[in-house]
Amino acid sequence: MLMIKIRKDVCNMDNFEKVEKIREKTGVSYQEAKEALEATGYDMLDAMVYLEKLGKVPAPDMNSFKTDGRIVNSSEFDKAQETYESACKKSTFGDVCAKFFNWFKKIVKKGCDTTFVVDRNDENVFKMPVIVLVCALIFLLPVTAILLIVGMFCDCRYSFIGFESTSVDINEMCSKASDACMDLKNDLTNKQED
């Protein structure tokens, strides 16, 4: 008889914990939680459904869920899942080549759309696409570099048209370099005259 009573107390203690959990999760009163559990044979999931049917607990929104304390709707979740899947998907050699050629095509287009301009005494002396200048620098670096430096000492100013600067203004840098060359040239001529 004593054994039956102890088991009943343990079961009641377990049932009390279930009532407490239901009350915590749903915000209903102890009495409502106890009635729901008794009506469903102390099955917690069935008790939650029972409370939803009675209108005591709002039904969950099927288009959103809670993660890490913030509510995420299903479209955000789908986008995140697609991003994750694309990141996990192994890239084939063809994919890598396609990405490289797309990048290269953008660079060449930007090089053709941007123009390198040489001015002397406020007159336009020479214009060419930047892609030509880059090729000259790659294949004829010493000659091109010497011509650019000599040009600065001959009062030439360089600028770029069509260049969209984001963090560095390249035209301002070219102007400062030309000013520095002019100052150096003036200093050298003044020393020779003295």
C-alpha atoms as a PDB file:
ATOM      1  CA  MET A   1       0.000   0.000   0.000  1.00  0.00           C
ATOM      2  CA  LEU A   2       2.837   2.342   0.861  1.00  0.00           C
ATOM      3  CA  MET A   3       4.529   1.567  -2.490  1.00  0.00           C
ATOM      4  CA  ILE A   4       1.380   2.513  -4.425  1.00  0.00           C
ATOM      5  CA  LYS A   5       1.120   5.798  -2.531  1.00  0.00           C
ATOM      6  CA  ILE A   6       4.761   6.691  -3.271  1.00  0.00           C
ATOM      7  CA  ARG A   7       4.295   5.941  -6.980  1.00  0.00           C
ATOM      8  CA  LYS A   8       1.161   8.082  -6.996  1.00  0.00           C
ATOM      9  CA  ASP A   9       3.087  10.940  -5.390  1.00  0.00           C
ATOM     10  CA  VAL A  10       5.876  10.609  -7.960  1.00  0.00           C
ATOM     11  CA  CYS A  11       3.308  10.623 -10.754  1.00  0.00           C
ATOM     12  CA  ASN A  12       1.637  13.659  -9.221  1.00  0.00           C
ATOM     13  CA  MET A  13       4.992  15.377  -8.952  1.00  0.00           C
ATOM     14  CA  ASP A  14       5.633  14.615 -12.625  1.00  0.00           C
ATOM     15  CA  ASN A  15       2.150  15.879 -13.479  1.00  0.00           C
ATOM     16  CA  PHE A  16       2.771  19.038 -11.451  1.00  0.00           C
ATOM     17  CA  GLU A  17       5.957  19.660 -13.462  1.00  0.00           C
ATOM     18  CA  LYS A  18       3.971  19.180 -16.676  1.00  0.00           C
ATOM     19  CA  VAL A  19       1.361  21.672 -15.490  1.00  0.00           C
ATOM     20  CA  GLU A  20       4.151  24.108 -14.676  1.00  0.00           C
ATOM     21  CA  LYS A  21       5.757  23.655 -18.117  1.00  0.00           C
ATOM     22  CA  ILE A  22       2.434  24.132 -19.961  1.00  0.00           C
ATOM     23  CA  ARG A  23       1.730  27.235 -17.919  1.00  0.00           C
ATOM     24  CA  GLU A  24       5.222  28.589 -18.626  1.00  0.00           C
ATOM     25  CA  LYS A  25       5.013  28.001 -22.360  1.00  0.00           C
ATOM     26  CA  THR A  26       1.459  29.209 -22.927  1.00  0.00           C
ATOM     27  CA  GLY A  27       0.815  31.775 -20.220  1.00  0.00           C
ATOM     28  CA  VAL A  28      -2.464  30.125 -19.151  1.00  0.00           C
ATOM     29  CA  SER A  29      -3.461  29.692 -15.508  1.00  0.00           C
ATOM     30  CA  TYR A  30      -2.560  26.626 -13.431  1.00  0.00           C
ATOM     31  CA  GLN A  31      -6.183  25.518 -13.504  1.00  0.00           C
ATOM     32  CA  GLU A  32      -6.430  25.739 -17.312  1.00  0.00           C
ATOM     33  CA  ALA A  33      -3.112  23.908 -17.742  1.00  0.00           C
ATOM     34  CA  LYS A  34      -4.210  21.167 -15.323  1.00  0.00           C
ATOM     35  CA  GLU A  35      -7.585  20.755 -17.063  1.00  0.00           C
ATOM     36  CA  ALA A  36      -5.912  20.520 -20.467  1.00  0.00           C
ATOM     37  CA  LEU A  37      -3.459  17.895 -19.252  1.00  0.00           C
ATOM     38  CA  GLU A  38      -6.222  15.890 -17.530  1.00  0.00           C
ATOM     39  CA  ALA A  39      -8.345  16.018 -20.684  1.00  0.00           C
ATOM     40  CA  THR A  40      -5.470  14.667 -22.780  1.00  0.00           C
ATOM     41  CA  GLY A  41      -4.121  12.033 -20.388  1.00  0.00           C
ATOM     42  CA  TYR A  42      -1.206  14.216 -19.346  1.00  0.00           C
ATOM     43  CA  ASP A  43       0.260  14.307 -22.869  1.00  0.00           C
ATOM     44  CA  MET A  44       1.906  17.715 -23.152  1.00  0.00           C
ATOM     45  CA  LEU A  45       1.683  18.041 -26.927  1.00  0.00           C
ATOM     46  CA  ASP A  46      -1.977  17.086 -26.961  1.00  0.00           C
ATOM     47  CA  ALA A  47      -2.583  19.533 -24.112  1.00  0.00           C
ATOM     48  CA  MET A  48      -1.041  22.349 -26.172  1.00  0.00           C
ATOM     49  CA  VAL A  49      -3.250  21.449 -29.131  1.00  0.00           C
ATOM     50  CA  TYR A  50      -6.260  21.256 -26.791  1.00  0.00           C
ATOM     51  CA  LEU A  51      -5.537  24.777 -25.497  1.00  0.00           C
ATOM     52  CA  GLU A  52      -5.160  26.054 -29.075  1.00  0.00           C
ATOM     53  CA  LYS A  53      -8.542  24.596 -30.026  1.00  0.00           C
ATOM     54  CA  LEU A  54     -10.132  26.273 -27.003  1.00  0.00           C
ATOM     55  CA  GLY A  55      -8.602  29.570 -28.115  1.00  0.00           C
ATOM     56  CA  LYS A  56      -6.557  29.927 -24.919  1.00  0.00           C
ATOM     57  CA  VAL A  57      -3.298  29.889 -26.878  1.00  0.00           C
ATOM     58  CA  PRO A  58      -2.766  31.482 -30.299  1.00  0.00           C
ATOM     59  CA  ALA A  59      -1.868  29.044 -33.061  1.00  0.00           C
ATOM     60  CA  PRO A  60       1.679  29.453 -34.347  1.00  0.00           C
ATOM     61  CA  ASP A  61       2.202  31.526 -37.507  1.00  0.00           C
ATOM     62  CA  MET A  62       3.110  29.043 -40.205  1.00  0.00           C
ATOM     63  CA  ASN A  63       5.017  31.706 -42.187  1.00  0.00           C
ATOM     64  CA  SER A  64       7.463  32.552 -39.417  1.00  0.00           C
ATOM     65  CA  PHE A  65       9.398  30.920 -36.645  1.00  0.00           C
ATOM     66  CA  LYS A  66      11.633  31.993 -33.815  1.00  0.00           C
ATOM     67  CA  THR A  67      15.380  31.444 -33.833  1.00  0.00           C
ATOM     68  CA  ASP A  68      17.932  32.839 -31.380  1.00  0.00           C
ATOM     69  CA  GLY A  69      15.298  35.136 -29.913  1.00  0.00           C
ATOM     70  CA  ARG A  70      14.268  36.797 -33.178  1.00  0.00           C
ATOM     71  CA  ILE A  71      11.359  36.022 -35.453  1.00  0.00           C
ATOM     72  CA  VAL A  72      12.305  34.993 -38.975  1.00  0.00           C
ATOM     73  CA  ASN A  73       9.748  34.675 -41.739  1.00  0.00           C
ATOM     74  CA  SER A  74       9.896  31.836 -44.207  1.00  0.00           C
ATOM     75  CA  SER A  75      11.107  33.944 -47.161  1.00  0.00           C
ATOM     76  CA  GLU A  76      14.167  35.073 -45.152  1.00  0.00           C
ATOM     77  CA  PHE A  77      14.778  31.468 -44.197  1.00  0.00           C
ATOM     78  CA  ASP A  78      14.477  30.330 -47.826  1.00  0.00           C
ATOM     79  CA  LYS A  79      16.985  32.975 -48.984  1.00  0.00           C
ATOM     80  CA  ALA A  80      19.424  31.999 -46.243  1.00  0.00           C
ATOM     81  CA  GLN A  81      19.021  28.335 -47.134  1.00  0.00           C
ATOM     82  CA  GLU A  82      19.666  29.029 -50.843  1.00  0.00           C
ATOM     83  CA  THR A  83      22.785  31.034 -49.957  1.00  0.00           C
ATOM     84  CA  TYR A  84      24.013  28.222 -47.731  1.00  0.00           C
ATOM     85  CA  GLU A  85      23.330  25.578 -50.362  1.00  0.00           C
ATOM     86  CA  SER A  86      25.078  27.572 -53.091  1.00  0.00           C
ATOM     87  CA  ALA A  87      28.082  28.077 -50.791  1.00  0.00           C
ATOM     88  CA  CYS A  88      28.199  24.363 -50.011  1.00  0.00           C
ATOM     89  CA  LYS A  89      27.795  23.323 -53.633  1.00  0.00           C
ATOM     90  CA  LYS A  90      31.149  22.342 -55.054  1.00  0.00           C
ATOM     91  CA  SER A  91      32.296  24.555 -57.907  1.00  0.00           C
ATOM     92  CA  THR A  92      33.364  22.762 -61.023  1.00  0.00           C
ATOM     93  CA  PHE A  93      36.269  23.881 -63.160  1.00  0.00           C
ATOM     94  CA  GLY A  94      33.769  25.207 -65.692  1.00  0.00           C
ATOM     95  CA  ASP A  95      32.068  27.328 -62.998  1.00  0.00           C
ATOM     96  CA  VAL A  96      35.397  28.810 -61.924  1.00  0.00           C
ATOM     97  CA  CYS A  97      36.347  29.551 -65.545  1.00  0.00           C
ATOM     98  CA  ALA A  98      32.962  31.177 -66.206  1.00  0.00           C
ATOM     99  CA  LYS A  99      33.348  33.401 -63.114  1.00  0.00           C
ATOM    100  CA  PHE A 100      36.878  34.374 -64.179  1.00  0.00           C
ATOM    101  CA  PHE A 101      35.826  35.251 -67.729  1.00  0.00           C
ATOM    102  CA  ASN A 102      32.866  37.293 -66.468  1.00  0.00           C
ATOM    103  CA  TRP A 103      35.222  39.209 -64.164  1.00  0.00           C
ATOM    104  CA  PHE A 104      37.762  39.655 -66.970  1.00  0.00           C
ATOM    105  CA  LYS A 105      35.043  40.887 -69.340  1.00  0.00           C
ATOM    106  CA  LYS A 106      33.970  43.526 -66.796  1.00  0.00           C
ATOM    107  CA  ILE A 107      37.581  44.691 -66.341  1.00  0.00           C
ATOM    108  CA  VAL A 108      38.170  44.963 -70.093  1.00  0.00           C
ATOM    109  CA  LYS A 109      34.879  46.850 -70.559  1.00  0.00           C
ATOM    110  CA  LYS A 110      35.811  49.276 -67.778  1.00  0.00           C
ATOM    111  CA  GLY A 111      39.272  49.688 -69.362  1.00  0.00           C
ATOM    112  CA  CYS A 112      37.693  50.496 -72.727  1.00  0.00           C
ATOM    113  CA  ASP A 113      35.142  52.901 -71.239  1.00  0.00           C
ATOM    114  CA  THR A 114      37.786  54.836 -69.279  1.00  0.00           C
ATOM    115  CA  THR A 115      40.116  57.160 -71.191  1.00  0.00           C
ATOM    116  CA  PHE A 116      43.672  58.227 -70.337  1.00  0.00           C
ATOM    117  CA  VAL A 117      44.167  61.899 -71.259  1.00  0.00           C
ATOM    118  CA  VAL A 118      47.443  63.814 -71.647  1.00  0.00           C
ATOM    119  CA  ASP A 119      47.140  67.632 -71.462  1.00  0.00           C
ATOM    120  CA  ARG A 120      49.896  70.194 -71.982  1.00  0.00           C
ATOM    121  CA  ASN A 121      49.343  73.904 -71.336  1.00  0.00           C
ATOM    122  CA  ASP A 122      45.605  73.297 -70.980  1.00  0.00           C
ATOM    123  CA  GLU A 123      45.399  71.699 -74.453  1.00  0.00           C
ATOM    124  CA  ASN A 124      44.488  68.102 -75.093  1.00  0.00           C
ATOM    125  CA  VAL A 125      47.567  66.416 -76.590  1.00  0.00           C
ATOM    126  CA  PHE A 126      46.678  62.734 -76.482  1.00  0.00           C
ATOM    127  CA  LYS A 127      43.827  60.373 -75.542  1.00  0.00           C
ATOM    128  CA  MET A 128      43.684  56.601 -75.428  1.00  0.00           C
ATOM    129  CA  PRO A 129      41.638  53.897 -73.692  1.00  0.00           C
ATOM    130  CA  VAL A 130      43.090  52.831 -70.365  1.00  0.00           C
ATOM    131  CA  ILE A 131      43.266  49.237 -71.570  1.00  0.00           C
ATOM    132  CA  VAL A 132      45.950  50.319 -74.092  1.00  0.00           C
ATOM    133  CA  LEU A 133      47.921  52.066 -71.330  1.00  0.00           C
ATOM    134  CA  VAL A 134      47.690  48.944 -69.129  1.00  0.00           C
ATOM    135  CA  CYS A 135      48.915  46.734 -71.999  1.00  0.00           C
ATOM    136  CA  ALA A 136      51.799  49.165 -72.617  1.00  0.00           C
ATOM    137  CA  LEU A 137      52.696  49.060 -68.924  1.00  0.00           C
ATOM    138  CA  ILE A 138      52.581  45.261 -68.897  1.00  0.00           C
ATOM    139  CA  PHE A 139      54.581  44.627 -72.072  1.00  0.00           C
ATOM    140  CA  LEU A 140      56.741  47.776 -72.308  1.00  0.00           C
ATOM    141  CA  LEU A 141      57.084  48.818 -68.667  1.00  0.00           C
ATOM    142  CA  PRO A 142      60.481  50.579 -68.847  1.00  0.00           C
ATOM    143  CA  VAL A 143      59.697  52.551 -72.005  1.00  0.00           C
ATOM    144  CA  THR A 144      56.179  53.509 -70.866  1.00  0.00           C
ATOM    145  CA  ALA A 145      57.334  54.519 -67.390  1.00  0.00           C
ATOM    146  CA  ILE A 146      60.150  56.677 -68.810  1.00  0.00           C
ATOM    147  CA  LEU A 147      57.749  58.364 -71.267  1.00  0.00           C
ATOM    148  CA  LEU A 148      55.268  59.123 -68.471  1.00  0.00           C
ATOM    149  CA  ILE A 149      57.967  60.595 -66.225  1.00  0.00           C
ATOM    150  CA  VAL A 150      59.561  62.648 -69.023  1.00  0.00           C
ATOM    151  CA  GLY A 151      56.092  63.864 -69.986  1.00  0.00           C
ATOM    152  CA  MET A 152      55.549  65.218 -66.466  1.00  0.00           C
ATOM    153  CA  PHE A 153      58.814  67.172 -66.667  1.00  0.00           C
ATOM    154  CA  CYS A 154      57.654  68.570 -70.028  1.00  0.00           C
ATOM    155  CA  ASP A 155      54.588  70.173 -68.402  1.00  0.00           C
ATOM    156  CA  CYS A 156      52.207  67.322 -69.285  1.00  0.00           C
ATOM    157  CA  ARG A 157      49.319  66.560 -66.952  1.00  0.00           C
ATOM    158  CA  TYR A 158      47.587  63.194 -66.864  1.00  0.00           C
ATOM    159  CA  SER A 159      43.969  62.460 -66.026  1.00  0.00           C
ATOM    160  CA  PHE A 160      41.357  59.773 -66.470  1.00  0.00           C
ATOM    161  CA  ILE A 161      37.886  60.369 -67.914  1.00  0.00           C
ATOM    162  CA  GLY A 162      35.101  57.949 -67.058  1.00  0.00           C
ATOM    163  CA  PHE A 163      36.854  56.649 -63.982  1.00  0.00           C
ATOM    164  CA  GLU A 164      34.512  56.230 -61.018  1.00  0.00           C
ATOM    165  CA  SER A 165      36.610  56.638 -57.918  1.00  0.00           C
ATOM    166  CA  THR A 166      35.379  55.083 -54.697  1.00  0.00           C
ATOM    167  CA  SER A 167      38.055  55.677 -52.101  1.00  0.00           C
ATOM    168  CA  VAL A 168      41.000  57.256 -53.962  1.00  0.00           C
ATOM    169  CA  ASP A 169      40.739  60.117 -56.453  1.00  0.00           C
ATOM    170  CA  ILE A 170      43.263  59.071 -59.088  1.00  0.00           C
ATOM    171  CA  ASN A 171      42.991  62.363 -60.985  1.00  0.00           C
ATOM    172  CA  GLU A 172      43.939  64.260 -57.834  1.00  0.00           C
ATOM    173  CA  MET A 173      46.926  61.950 -57.380  1.00  0.00           C
ATOM    174  CA  CYS A 174      48.020  62.577 -61.002  1.00  0.00           C
ATOM    175  CA  SER A 175      47.670  66.313 -60.450  1.00  0.00           C
ATOM    176  CA  LYS A 176      49.786  66.185 -57.278  1.00  0.00           C
ATOM    177  CA  ALA A 177      52.468  64.149 -59.080  1.00  0.00           C
ATOM    178  CA  SER A 178      52.539  66.711 -61.911  1.00  0.00           C
ATOM    179  CA  ASP A 179      52.778  69.565 -59.394  1.00  0.00           C
ATOM    180  CA  ALA A 180      55.655  67.808 -57.631  1.00  0.00           C
ATOM    181  CA  CYS A 181      57.491  67.350 -60.945  1.00  0.00           C
ATOM    182  CA  MET A 182      56.940  71.019 -61.799  1.00  0.00           C
ATOM    183  CA  ASP A 183      58.286  72.080 -58.393  1.00  0.00           C
ATOM    184  CA  LEU A 184      61.324  69.836 -58.842  1.00  0.00           C
ATOM    185  CA  LYS A 185      61.912  71.201 -62.359  1.00  0.00           C
ATOM    186  CA  ASN A 186      61.627  74.812 -61.106  1.00  0.00           C
ATOM    187  CA  ASP A 187      64.025  74.120 -58.227  1.00  0.00           C
ATOM    188  CA  LEU A 188      66.581  72.603 -60.605  1.00  0.00           C
ATOM    189  CA  THR A 189      66.345  75.507 -63.075  1.00  0.00           C
ATOM    190  CA  ASN A 190      66.619  78.062 -60.234  1.00  0.00           C
ATOM    191  CA  LYS A 191      69.772  76.322 -58.909  1.00  0.00           C
ATOM    192  CA  GLN A 192      71.335  76.299 -62.368  1.00  0.00           C
ATOM    193  CA  GLU A 193      70.680  80.021 -62.798  1.00  0.00           C
ATOM    194  CA  ASP A 194      72.290  80.852 -59.417  1.00  0.00           C
END
